[in-house]
Amino acid sequence: MILSDLDKGCDVLKKAGYLCKKSKVLG
């Protein structure tokens, strides 16, 4: 996913128990 707020999205999903990874892509 591309998100409006990547850090907040990652934090929320980690707290919900999901395994998250940030990575570089080209748009």
PDB file of all heavy atoms in Angstrom:
ATOM      1  N   MET A   1       0.816  -1.210   0.000  1.00  0.00           N
ATOM      2  CA  MET A   1       0.000   0.000   0.000  1.00  0.00           C
ATOM      3  C   MET A   1       0.849   1.258   0.000  1.00  0.00           C
ATOM      4  O   MET A   1       1.914   1.294   0.616  1.00  0.00           O
ATOM      5  CB  MET A   1      -0.874   0.048   1.260  1.00  0.00           C
ATOM      6  CG  MET A   1      -1.869  -1.058   1.376  1.00  0.00           C
ATOM      7  SD  MET A   1      -2.822  -0.933   2.913  1.00  0.00           S
ATOM      8  CE  MET A   1      -1.630  -1.531   4.095  1.00  0.00           C
ATOM      9  N   ILE A   2       0.334   2.269  -0.662  1.00  0.00           N
ATOM     10  CA  ILE A   2       0.829   3.630  -0.535  1.00  0.00           C
ATOM     11  C   ILE A   2      -0.196   4.337   0.347  1.00  0.00           C
ATOM     12  O   ILE A   2      -1.396   4.266   0.076  1.00  0.00           O
ATOM     13  CB  ILE A   2       0.939   4.329  -1.908  1.00  0.00           C
ATOM     14  CG1 ILE A   2       1.831   3.534  -2.866  1.00  0.00           C
ATOM     15  CG2 ILE A   2       1.429   5.771  -1.738  1.00  0.00           C
ATOM     16  CD1 ILE A   2       3.267   3.367  -2.426  1.00  0.00           C
ATOM     17  N   LEU A   3       0.271   4.976   1.411  1.00  0.00           N
ATOM     18  CA  LEU A   3      -0.627   5.580   2.394  1.00  0.00           C
ATOM     19  C   LEU A   3      -0.394   7.077   2.524  1.00  0.00           C
ATOM     20  O   LEU A   3       0.722   7.559   2.299  1.00  0.00           O
ATOM     21  CB  LEU A   3      -0.417   4.924   3.765  1.00  0.00           C
ATOM     22  CG  LEU A   3      -0.632   3.413   3.839  1.00  0.00           C
ATOM     23  CD1 LEU A   3      -0.263   2.900   5.220  1.00  0.00           C
ATOM     24  CD2 LEU A   3      -2.056   3.048   3.474  1.00  0.00           C
ATOM     25  N   SER A   4      -1.424   7.775   2.955  1.00  0.00           N
ATOM     26  CA  SER A   4      -1.301   9.217   3.187  1.00  0.00           C
ATOM     27  C   SER A   4      -0.343   9.519   4.333  1.00  0.00           C
ATOM     28  O   SER A   4       0.288  10.569   4.350  1.00  0.00           O
ATOM     29  CB  SER A   4      -2.676   9.829   3.464  1.00  0.00           C
ATOM     30  OG  SER A   4      -3.252   9.256   4.623  1.00  0.00           O
ATOM     31  N   ASP A   5      -0.227   8.613   5.297  1.00  0.00           N
ATOM     32  CA  ASP A   5       0.706   8.760   6.414  1.00  0.00           C
ATOM     33  C   ASP A   5       1.273   7.380   6.718  1.00  0.00           C
ATOM     34  O   ASP A   5       0.699   6.612   7.489  1.00  0.00           O
ATOM     35  CB  ASP A   5      -0.016   9.345   7.635  1.00  0.00           C
ATOM     36  CG  ASP A   5       0.920   9.684   8.774  1.00  0.00           C
ATOM     37  OD1 ASP A   5       2.001   9.050   8.887  1.00  0.00           O
ATOM     38  OD2 ASP A   5       0.570  10.568   9.571  1.00  0.00           O
ATOM     39  N   LEU A   6       2.400   7.076   6.084  1.00  0.00           N
ATOM     40  CA  LEU A   6       2.991   5.742   6.166  1.00  0.00           C
ATOM     41  C   LEU A   6       3.363   5.367   7.594  1.00  0.00           C
ATOM     42  O   LEU A   6       3.075   4.263   8.049  1.00  0.00           O
ATOM     43  CB  LEU A   6       4.215   5.658   5.262  1.00  0.00           C
ATOM     44  CG  LEU A   6       4.765   4.250   5.090  1.00  0.00           C
ATOM     45  CD1 LEU A   6       3.973   3.518   4.036  1.00  0.00           C
ATOM     46  CD2 LEU A   6       6.229   4.300   4.715  1.00  0.00           C
ATOM     47  N   ASP A   7       4.009   6.270   8.329  1.00  0.00           N
ATOM     48  CA  ASP A   7       4.439   5.951   9.691  1.00  0.00           C
ATOM     49  C   ASP A   7       3.255   5.680  10.609  1.00  0.00           C
ATOM     50  O   ASP A   7       3.263   4.707  11.372  1.00  0.00           O
ATOM     51  CB  ASP A   7       5.301   7.078  10.254  1.00  0.00           C
ATOM     52  CG  ASP A   7       6.640   7.194   9.547  1.00  0.00           C
ATOM     53  OD1 ASP A   7       7.155   6.157   9.079  1.00  0.00           O
ATOM     54  OD2 ASP A   7       7.163   8.310   9.451  1.00  0.00           O
ATOM     55  N   LYS A   8       2.238   6.510  10.529  1.00  0.00           N
ATOM     56  CA  LYS A   8       1.045   6.311  11.360  1.00  0.00           C
ATOM     57  C   LYS A   8       0.364   4.993  10.988  1.00  0.00           C
ATOM     58  O   LYS A   8      -0.036   4.223  11.862  1.00  0.00           O
ATOM     59  CB  LYS A   8       0.088   7.482  11.186  1.00  0.00           C
ATOM     60  CG  LYS A   8      -1.141   7.410  12.067  1.00  0.00           C
ATOM     61  CD  LYS A   8      -2.005   8.650  11.875  1.00  0.00           C
ATOM     62  CE  LYS A   8      -3.235   8.629  12.752  1.00  0.00           C
ATOM     63  NZ  LYS A   8      -4.074   9.831  12.511  1.00  0.00           N
ATOM     64  N   GLY A   9       0.240   4.724   9.688  1.00  0.00           N
ATOM     65  CA  GLY A   9      -0.371   3.477   9.242  1.00  0.00           C
ATOM     66  C   GLY A   9       0.383   2.266   9.739  1.00  0.00           C
ATOM     67  O   GLY A   9      -0.213   1.290  10.205  1.00  0.00           O
ATOM     68  N   CYS A  10       1.685   2.318   9.669  1.00  0.00           N
ATOM     69  CA  CYS A  10       2.513   1.209  10.143  1.00  0.00           C
ATOM     70  C   CYS A  10       2.339   1.013  11.648  1.00  0.00           C
ATOM     71  O   CYS A  10       2.162  -0.118  12.118  1.00  0.00           O
ATOM     72  CB  CYS A  10       3.974   1.459   9.792  1.00  0.00           C
ATOM     73  SG  CYS A  10       5.065   0.073  10.167  1.00  0.00           S
ATOM     74  N   ASP A  11       2.363   2.087  12.399  1.00  0.00           N
ATOM     75  CA  ASP A  11       2.189   1.992  13.857  1.00  0.00           C
ATOM     76  C   ASP A  11       0.844   1.380  14.218  1.00  0.00           C
ATOM     77  O   ASP A  11       0.763   0.484  15.061  1.00  0.00           O
ATOM     78  CB  ASP A  11       2.310   3.372  14.508  1.00  0.00           C
ATOM     79  CG  ASP A  11       3.729   3.919  14.479  1.00  0.00           C
ATOM     80  OD1 ASP A  11       4.669   3.134  14.237  1.00  0.00           O
ATOM     81  OD2 ASP A  11       3.886   5.139  14.684  1.00  0.00           O
ATOM     82  N   VAL A  12      -0.208   1.851  13.565  1.00  0.00           N
ATOM     83  CA  VAL A  12      -1.556   1.348  13.838  1.00  0.00           C
ATOM     84  C   VAL A  12      -1.656  -0.143  13.528  1.00  0.00           C
ATOM     85  O   VAL A  12      -2.211  -0.925  14.306  1.00  0.00           O
ATOM     86  CB  VAL A  12      -2.599   2.152  13.012  1.00  0.00           C
ATOM     87  CG1 VAL A  12      -3.940   1.452  12.950  1.00  0.00           C
ATOM     88  CG2 VAL A  12      -2.753   3.548  13.578  1.00  0.00           C
ATOM     89  N   LEU A  13      -1.116  -0.543  12.392  1.00  0.00           N
ATOM     90  CA  LEU A  13      -1.219  -1.942  11.993  1.00  0.00           C
ATOM     91  C   LEU A  13      -0.338  -2.853  12.844  1.00  0.00           C
ATOM     92  O   LEU A  13      -0.731  -3.980  13.161  1.00  0.00           O
ATOM     93  CB  LEU A  13      -0.906  -2.085  10.504  1.00  0.00           C
ATOM     94  CG  LEU A  13      -1.954  -1.437   9.595  1.00  0.00           C
ATOM     95  CD1 LEU A  13      -1.474  -1.398   8.152  1.00  0.00           C
ATOM     96  CD2 LEU A  13      -3.295  -2.150   9.710  1.00  0.00           C
ATOM     97  N   LYS A  14       0.825  -2.374  13.258  1.00  0.00           N
ATOM     98  CA  LYS A  14       1.657  -3.167  14.172  1.00  0.00           C
ATOM     99  C   LYS A  14       0.944  -3.383  15.503  1.00  0.00           C
ATOM    100  O   LYS A  14       0.959  -4.484  16.054  1.00  0.00           O
ATOM    101  CB  LYS A  14       3.007  -2.492  14.401  1.00  0.00           C
ATOM    102  CG  LYS A  14       3.988  -2.696  13.279  1.00  0.00           C
ATOM    103  CD  LYS A  14       5.330  -2.052  13.590  1.00  0.00           C
ATOM    104  CE  LYS A  14       6.310  -2.309  12.469  1.00  0.00           C
ATOM    105  NZ  LYS A  14       7.617  -1.672  12.715  1.00  0.00           N
ATOM    106  N   LYS A  15       0.306  -2.334  16.018  1.00  0.00           N
ATOM    107  CA  LYS A  15      -0.448  -2.456  17.280  1.00  0.00           C
ATOM    108  C   LYS A  15      -1.607  -3.436  17.143  1.00  0.00           C
ATOM    109  O   LYS A  15      -2.010  -4.060  18.114  1.00  0.00           O
ATOM    110  CB  LYS A  15      -0.950  -1.094  17.732  1.00  0.00           C
ATOM    111  CG  LYS A  15       0.148  -0.211  18.278  1.00  0.00           C
ATOM    112  CD  LYS A  15      -0.360   1.167  18.661  1.00  0.00           C
ATOM    113  CE  LYS A  15       0.813   2.035  19.094  1.00  0.00           C
ATOM    114  NZ  LYS A  15       0.433   3.439  19.267  1.00  0.00           N
ATOM    115  N   ALA A  16      -2.130  -3.565  15.918  1.00  0.00           N
ATOM    116  CA  ALA A  16      -3.220  -4.511  15.663  1.00  0.00           C
ATOM    117  C   ALA A  16      -2.698  -5.931  15.404  1.00  0.00           C
ATOM    118  O   ALA A  16      -3.484  -6.847  15.159  1.00  0.00           O
ATOM    119  CB  ALA A  16      -4.057  -4.039  14.478  1.00  0.00           C
ATOM    120  N   GLY A  17      -1.373  -6.105  15.463  1.00  0.00           N
ATOM    121  CA  GLY A  17      -0.796  -7.441  15.347  1.00  0.00           C
ATOM    122  C   GLY A  17      -0.296  -7.831  13.968  1.00  0.00           C
ATOM    123  O   GLY A  17       0.059  -8.988  13.748  1.00  0.00           O
ATOM    124  N   TYR A  18      -0.225  -6.893  13.046  1.00  0.00           N
ATOM    125  CA  TYR A  18       0.238  -7.215  11.694  1.00  0.00           C
ATOM    126  C   TYR A  18       1.746  -7.015  11.572  1.00  0.00           C
ATOM    127  O   TYR A  18       2.320  -6.132  12.203  1.00  0.00           O
ATOM    128  CB  TYR A  18      -0.465  -6.328  10.663  1.00  0.00           C
ATOM    129  CG  TYR A  18      -1.939  -6.602  10.569  1.00  0.00           C
ATOM    130  CD1 TYR A  18      -2.861  -5.782  11.207  1.00  0.00           C
ATOM    131  CD2 TYR A  18      -2.423  -7.691   9.848  1.00  0.00           C
ATOM    132  CE1 TYR A  18      -4.219  -6.027  11.131  1.00  0.00           C
ATOM    133  CE2 TYR A  18      -3.781  -7.950   9.768  1.00  0.00           C
ATOM    134  CZ  TYR A  18      -4.674  -7.115  10.417  1.00  0.00           C
ATOM    135  OH  TYR A  18      -6.019  -7.368  10.341  1.00  0.00           O
ATOM    136  N   LEU A  19       2.360  -7.830  10.750  1.00  0.00           N
ATOM    137  CA  LEU A  19       3.780  -7.704  10.436  1.00  0.00           C
ATOM    138  C   LEU A  19       3.911  -6.728   9.275  1.00  0.00           C
ATOM    139  O   LEU A  19       3.383  -6.978   8.184  1.00  0.00           O
ATOM    140  CB  LEU A  19       4.362  -9.068  10.053  1.00  0.00           C
ATOM    141  CG  LEU A  19       5.810  -9.105   9.595  1.00  0.00           C
ATOM    142  CD1 LEU A  19       6.738  -8.606  10.703  1.00  0.00           C
ATOM    143  CD2 LEU A  19       6.191 -10.509   9.176  1.00  0.00           C
ATOM    144  N   CYS A  20       4.577  -5.598   9.512  1.00  0.00           N
ATOM    145  CA  CYS A  20       4.684  -4.516   8.515  1.00  0.00           C
ATOM    146  C   CYS A  20       6.142  -4.300   8.124  1.00  0.00           C
ATOM    147  O   CYS A  20       7.038  -4.448   8.948  1.00  0.00           O
ATOM    148  CB  CYS A  20       4.174  -3.196   9.092  1.00  0.00           C
ATOM    149  SG  CYS A  20       2.503  -3.249   9.703  1.00  0.00           S
ATOM    150  N   LYS A  21       6.315  -3.903   6.893  1.00  0.00           N
ATOM    151  CA  LYS A  21       7.654  -3.555   6.412  1.00  0.00           C
ATOM    152  C   LYS A  21       7.536  -2.346   5.489  1.00  0.00           C
ATOM    153  O   LYS A  21       6.706  -2.326   4.580  1.00  0.00           O
ATOM    154  CB  LYS A  21       8.253  -4.736   5.642  1.00  0.00           C
ATOM    155  CG  LYS A  21       9.618  -4.445   5.069  1.00  0.00           C
ATOM    156  CD  LYS A  21      10.107  -5.605   4.240  1.00  0.00           C
ATOM    157  CE  LYS A  21      11.374  -5.224   3.511  1.00  0.00           C
ATOM    158  NZ  LYS A  21      11.760  -6.211   2.515  1.00  0.00           N
ATOM    159  N   LYS A  22       8.374  -1.343   5.714  1.00  0.00           N
ATOM    160  CA  LYS A  22       8.450  -0.183   4.829  1.00  0.00           C
ATOM    161  C   LYS A  22       9.526  -0.456   3.793  1.00  0.00           C
ATOM    162  O   LYS A  22      10.579  -1.006   4.113  1.00  0.00           O
ATOM    163  CB  LYS A  22       8.826   1.075   5.601  1.00  0.00           C
ATOM    164  CG  LYS A  22       7.827   1.474   6.666  1.00  0.00           C
ATOM    165  CD  LYS A  22       8.350   2.673   7.441  1.00  0.00           C
ATOM    166  CE  LYS A  22       7.539   2.911   8.684  1.00  0.00           C
ATOM    167  NZ  LYS A  22       8.094   4.001   9.498  1.00  0.00           N
ATOM    168  N   SER A  23       9.261  -0.049   2.547  1.00  0.00           N
ATOM    169  CA  SER A  23      10.266  -0.227   1.509  1.00  0.00           C
ATOM    170  C   SER A  23      10.131   0.862   0.452  1.00  0.00           C
ATOM    171  O   SER A  23       9.092   1.499   0.324  1.00  0.00           O
ATOM    172  CB  SER A  23      10.148  -1.612   0.862  1.00  0.00           C
ATOM    173  OG  SER A  23       8.861  -1.797   0.314  1.00  0.00           O
ATOM    174  N   LYS A  24      11.204   1.048  -0.289  1.00  0.00           N
ATOM    175  CA  LYS A  24      11.248   2.053  -1.352  1.00  0.00           C
ATOM    176  C   LYS A  24      10.649   1.480  -2.638  1.00  0.00           C
ATOM    177  O   LYS A  24      10.899   0.325  -2.992  1.00  0.00           O
ATOM    178  CB  LYS A  24      12.679   2.485  -1.638  1.00  0.00           C
ATOM    179  CG  LYS A  24      13.350   3.186  -0.486  1.00  0.00           C
ATOM    180  CD  LYS A  24      12.854   4.597  -0.398  1.00  0.00           C
ATOM    181  CE  LYS A  24      13.604   5.346   0.693  1.00  0.00           C
ATOM    182  NZ  LYS A  24      12.940   6.561   1.072  1.00  0.00           N
ATOM    183  N   VAL A  25       9.874   2.300  -3.303  1.00  0.00           N
ATOM    184  CA  VAL A  25       9.346   1.997  -4.625  1.00  0.00           C
ATOM    185  C   VAL A  25       9.430   3.275  -5.451  1.00  0.00           C
ATOM    186  O   VAL A  25       9.669   4.351  -4.910  1.00  0.00           O
ATOM    187  CB  VAL A  25       7.881   1.487  -4.570  1.00  0.00           C
ATOM    188  CG1 VAL A  25       7.800   0.109  -3.949  1.00  0.00           C
ATOM    189  CG2 VAL A  25       6.974   2.460  -3.843  1.00  0.00           C
ATOM    190  N   LEU A  26       9.227   3.148  -6.729  1.00  0.00           N
ATOM    191  CA  LEU A  26       9.128   4.322  -7.595  1.00  0.00           C
ATOM    192  C   LEU A  26       7.666   4.544  -7.948  1.00  0.00           C
ATOM    193  O   LEU A  26       6.962   3.602  -8.296  1.00  0.00           O
ATOM    194  CB  LEU A  26       9.912   4.124  -8.889  1.00  0.00           C
ATOM    195  CG  LEU A  26      11.427   4.080  -8.790  1.00  0.00           C
ATOM    196  CD1 LEU A  26      12.030   3.845 -10.173  1.00  0.00           C
ATOM    197  CD2 LEU A  26      11.970   5.358  -8.193  1.00  0.00           C
ATOM    198  N   GLY A  27       7.244   5.769  -7.858  1.00  0.00           N
ATOM    199  CA  GLY A  27       5.934   6.154  -8.361  1.00  0.00           C
ATOM    200  C   GLY A  27       6.161   6.948  -9.635  1.00  0.00           C
ATOM    201  O   GLY A  27       6.904   7.932  -9.635  1.00  0.00           O
TER     202      GLY A  27
END
